[in-house]
C-alpha cells in the first residue's frame, strides 16, 4: 500500500469516528454539568444573567448537549446532527472567546467542576478542533471506494471542486 493510500485510510477512519467522538464530548459536558451545575451557572451569570435564570440556562444546556451527544453517537452519518453540532460549537466558542477577552474570573463550567479555572484560548482551540473534525467527516465519501476528499486537498487539486 502506498503512503497516500495509508494516509487516506487513517484520515477516513478518523473522519468516520469524529461524530461519535464529538458526541462523547457533548455527553460528557452534559453529565458533568448535571452533577455540578454551579460553575456553568457562574459563567452564565458573568453575562449578566440572574442566578435563577442561569440555573435554568444550565438545565437547558444539559438537555441540549445530552440530546446532541446521543444524536451524534446513534446517527454519526446524520448531516443534520453535524450541522447542529457545528452551530452549537460556534456559539459556545463565541461565549468562551468573550470570557477569555474579558478576563472572566470564573471558569466556563463546560465540564462542570473540571473546568473551574478561568478560560483560555486552549478551550476555544479545542472547540475549533472539534468543528474541524466534523467538517472532515463531511469530506469523506463513503461510497467512493474509501477515497478521501479532504477539503483543503480537494480545493488544491481540483480548482475548488470536491474530489471524489
Foldseek 3Di string as FASTA:
>chain_A
DDPLVVVLLVLQVLLLCLLLVLLVLLQLLLVQCVVAVVLQLVLVVVVVDDSVVSSVVSVVSSVVSNVLSVCCNVCVVDPVSLVVLLVVLVVLLVSLVVQAVVVPCFFNCSNHPVGGHRGHCVVSVVSVVSNVSNLQSVQFDPVPVSGGFGQVVQCVPPVRDTDD
